[in-house]
Amino acid sequence: MAVLVEIHVPMTDDIEWIDDIGDYLIDLEDELGLEEYDDGEQYGDVYIFFIAGASERTLLAAASRVATRKGVPAGAFAMVTTTDAPQFGMGRRVNLPVGSRIGS
């Protein structure tokens, strides 16, 4: 069992940010020593990215960096859980900062 952070991002009509975040997570793997634990997926009105392989602090720092990227919809949050959790969305919710947005 290891710490897992889920990054929940509200879905929008424009979904280009999904691929951008996926590419950015590859960069963060190299920079911070984390790993994308599973493929991201849409669940209801959010898209969830899964990261693990580092300390909770490092994973939350990475989630914050994702949330503040240009083009990422406002309202992203993280769930701190474990790799053996029976389902996603269970754990401790952590609000993430809001970054610059398109047009702002």
C-alpha atoms as a PDB file:
ATOM      1  CA  MET A   1       0.000   0.000   0.000  1.00  0.00           C
ATOM      2  CA  ALA A   2       1.309   3.433  -0.976  1.00  0.00           C
ATOM      3  CA  VAL A   3       0.006   7.000  -0.982  1.00  0.00           C
ATOM      4  CA  LEU A   4      -2.059   7.847  -4.038  1.00  0.00           C
ATOM      5  CA  VAL A   5      -3.274  11.304  -4.990  1.00  0.00           C
ATOM      6  CA  GLU A   6      -6.214  11.662  -7.328  1.00  0.00           C
ATOM      7  CA  ILE A   7      -6.418  14.956  -9.198  1.00  0.00           C
ATOM      8  CA  HIS A   8     -10.081  15.743  -9.934  1.00  0.00           C
ATOM      9  CA  VAL A   9     -10.594  18.346 -12.672  1.00  0.00           C
ATOM     10  CA  PRO A  10     -14.073  19.582 -13.669  1.00  0.00           C
ATOM     11  CA  MET A  11     -15.034  18.602 -17.210  1.00  0.00           C
ATOM     12  CA  THR A  12     -15.609  21.339 -19.767  1.00  0.00           C
ATOM     13  CA  ASP A  13     -16.691  21.410 -23.406  1.00  0.00           C
ATOM     14  CA  ASP A  14     -13.087  22.133 -24.409  1.00  0.00           C
ATOM     15  CA  ILE A  15     -11.029  19.120 -23.324  1.00  0.00           C
ATOM     16  CA  GLU A  16      -7.604  19.981 -24.786  1.00  0.00           C
ATOM     17  CA  TRP A  17      -6.326  20.312 -21.213  1.00  0.00           C
ATOM     18  CA  ILE A  18      -6.639  16.543 -20.703  1.00  0.00           C
ATOM     19  CA  ASP A  19      -3.801  15.768 -23.124  1.00  0.00           C
ATOM     20  CA  ASP A  20      -1.811  18.733 -21.822  1.00  0.00           C
ATOM     21  CA  ILE A  21      -2.014  17.421 -18.264  1.00  0.00           C
ATOM     22  CA  GLY A  22      -1.091  13.924 -19.436  1.00  0.00           C
ATOM     23  CA  ASP A  23       2.038  15.267 -21.130  1.00  0.00           C
ATOM     24  CA  TYR A  24       2.855  17.445 -18.121  1.00  0.00           C
ATOM     25  CA  LEU A  25       2.627  14.459 -15.774  1.00  0.00           C
ATOM     26  CA  ILE A  26       5.351  12.766 -17.827  1.00  0.00           C
ATOM     27  CA  ASP A  27       7.565  15.806 -17.202  1.00  0.00           C
ATOM     28  CA  LEU A  28       6.739  15.683 -13.480  1.00  0.00           C
ATOM     29  CA  GLU A  29       7.633  11.988 -13.354  1.00  0.00           C
ATOM     30  CA  ASP A  30      11.172  12.871 -14.383  1.00  0.00           C
ATOM     31  CA  GLU A  31      11.415  16.033 -12.291  1.00  0.00           C
ATOM     32  CA  LEU A  32       9.792  14.867  -9.036  1.00  0.00           C
ATOM     33  CA  GLY A  33      10.221  11.096  -9.170  1.00  0.00           C
ATOM     34  CA  LEU A  34       6.519  10.317  -9.113  1.00  0.00           C
ATOM     35  CA  GLU A  35       4.569   8.019 -11.387  1.00  0.00           C
ATOM     36  CA  GLU A  36       1.234   8.182 -13.103  1.00  0.00           C
ATOM     37  CA  TYR A  37      -0.406   5.314 -11.253  1.00  0.00           C
ATOM     38  CA  ASP A  38      -3.168   4.593 -13.752  1.00  0.00           C
ATOM     39  CA  ASP A  39      -4.623   6.107 -16.887  1.00  0.00           C
ATOM     40  CA  GLY A  40      -6.839   9.100 -16.260  1.00  0.00           C
ATOM     41  CA  GLU A  41     -10.546   8.696 -16.772  1.00  0.00           C
ATOM     42  CA  GLN A  42     -13.771  10.633 -16.804  1.00  0.00           C
ATOM     43  CA  TYR A  43     -16.022   9.967 -13.835  1.00  0.00           C
ATOM     44  CA  GLY A  44     -19.269  11.904 -13.859  1.00  0.00           C
ATOM     45  CA  ASP A  45     -18.527  15.607 -14.210  1.00  0.00           C
ATOM     46  CA  VAL A  46     -14.790  15.341 -13.466  1.00  0.00           C
ATOM     47  CA  TYR A  47     -11.716  13.875 -15.112  1.00  0.00           C
ATOM     48  CA  ILE A  48      -9.403  12.096 -12.682  1.00  0.00           C
ATOM     49  CA  PHE A  49      -5.628  11.706 -12.924  1.00  0.00           C
ATOM     50  CA  PHE A  50      -3.848   9.282 -10.565  1.00  0.00           C
ATOM     51  CA  ILE A  51      -0.307   9.849  -9.254  1.00  0.00           C
ATOM     52  CA  ALA A  52       1.767   7.866  -6.761  1.00  0.00           C
ATOM     53  CA  GLY A  53       5.356   6.783  -6.148  1.00  0.00           C
ATOM     54  CA  ALA A  54       6.428   9.748  -3.996  1.00  0.00           C
ATOM     55  CA  SER A  55       5.652  11.312  -0.626  1.00  0.00           C
ATOM     56  CA  GLU A  56       2.249  12.852   0.009  1.00  0.00           C
ATOM     57  CA  ARG A  57       3.868  16.275   0.095  1.00  0.00           C
ATOM     58  CA  THR A  58       5.504  15.777  -3.313  1.00  0.00           C
ATOM     59  CA  LEU A  59       2.308  14.385  -4.831  1.00  0.00           C
ATOM     60  CA  LEU A  60       0.248  17.324  -3.552  1.00  0.00           C
ATOM     61  CA  ALA A  61       2.864  19.765  -4.862  1.00  0.00           C
ATOM     62  CA  ALA A  62       2.553  18.100  -8.273  1.00  0.00           C
ATOM     63  CA  ALA A  63      -1.257  18.262  -8.084  1.00  0.00           C
ATOM     64  CA  SER A  64      -1.025  21.977  -7.271  1.00  0.00           C
ATOM     65  CA  ARG A  65       1.215  22.541 -10.261  1.00  0.00           C
ATOM     66  CA  VAL A  66      -1.271  20.718 -12.489  1.00  0.00           C
ATOM     67  CA  ALA A  67      -4.187  22.776 -11.150  1.00  0.00           C
ATOM     68  CA  THR A  68      -2.421  26.069 -11.839  1.00  0.00           C
ATOM     69  CA  ARG A  69      -1.494  25.312 -15.451  1.00  0.00           C
ATOM     70  CA  LYS A  70      -2.973  27.652 -18.030  1.00  0.00           C
ATOM     71  CA  GLY A  71      -6.116  26.176 -19.547  1.00  0.00           C
ATOM     72  CA  VAL A  72      -6.935  23.835 -16.656  1.00  0.00           C
ATOM     73  CA  PRO A  73     -10.525  24.452 -15.514  1.00  0.00           C
ATOM     74  CA  ALA A  74     -10.985  26.121 -12.122  1.00  0.00           C
ATOM     75  CA  GLY A  75     -12.221  23.951  -9.279  1.00  0.00           C
ATOM     76  CA  ALA A  76      -9.664  21.154  -9.381  1.00  0.00           C
ATOM     77  CA  PHE A  77      -9.088  19.332  -6.108  1.00  0.00           C
ATOM     78  CA  ALA A  78      -7.079  16.370  -4.875  1.00  0.00           C
ATOM     79  CA  MET A  79      -8.070  13.285  -2.929  1.00  0.00           C
ATOM     80  CA  VAL A  80      -5.356  11.715  -0.790  1.00  0.00           C
ATOM     81  CA  THR A  81      -5.891   7.983  -0.556  1.00  0.00           C
ATOM     82  CA  THR A  82      -3.907   4.754  -0.991  1.00  0.00           C
ATOM     83  CA  THR A  83      -3.157   2.455  -3.884  1.00  0.00           C
ATOM     84  CA  ASP A  84      -5.294  -0.269  -2.310  1.00  0.00           C
ATOM     85  CA  ALA A  85      -8.434   1.876  -1.846  1.00  0.00           C
ATOM     86  CA  PRO A  86     -11.529  -0.042  -2.993  1.00  0.00           C
ATOM     87  CA  GLN A  87     -12.679   2.812  -5.245  1.00  0.00           C
ATOM     88  CA  PHE A  88     -11.622   6.295  -6.204  1.00  0.00           C
ATOM     89  CA  GLY A  89     -13.040   9.429  -4.671  1.00  0.00           C
ATOM     90  CA  MET A  90     -12.529   8.092  -1.166  1.00  0.00           C
ATOM     91  CA  GLY A  91     -10.016   9.755   1.100  1.00  0.00           C
ATOM     92  CA  ARG A  92      -9.085  13.190   2.341  1.00  0.00           C
ATOM     93  CA  ARG A  93     -10.037  16.081   0.072  1.00  0.00           C
ATOM     94  CA  VAL A  94      -7.434  18.814  -0.484  1.00  0.00           C
ATOM     95  CA  ASN A  95      -8.406  22.006  -2.305  1.00  0.00           C
ATOM     96  CA  LEU A  96      -5.855  23.056  -4.903  1.00  0.00           C
ATOM     97  CA  PRO A  97      -4.881  26.607  -5.865  1.00  0.00           C
ATOM     98  CA  VAL A  98      -6.398  28.301  -8.878  1.00  0.00           C
ATOM     99  CA  GLY A  99      -3.896  29.441 -11.496  1.00  0.00           C
ATOM    100  CA  SER A 100      -4.023  31.659 -14.510  1.00  0.00           C
ATOM    101  CA  ARG A 101      -6.805  30.862 -16.918  1.00  0.00           C
ATOM    102  CA  ILE A 102      -7.296  31.310 -20.619  1.00  0.00           C
ATOM    103  CA  GLY A 103      -8.231  34.909 -21.236  1.00  0.00           C
ATOM    104  CA  SER A 104      -7.192  36.101 -17.777  1.00  0.00           C
END
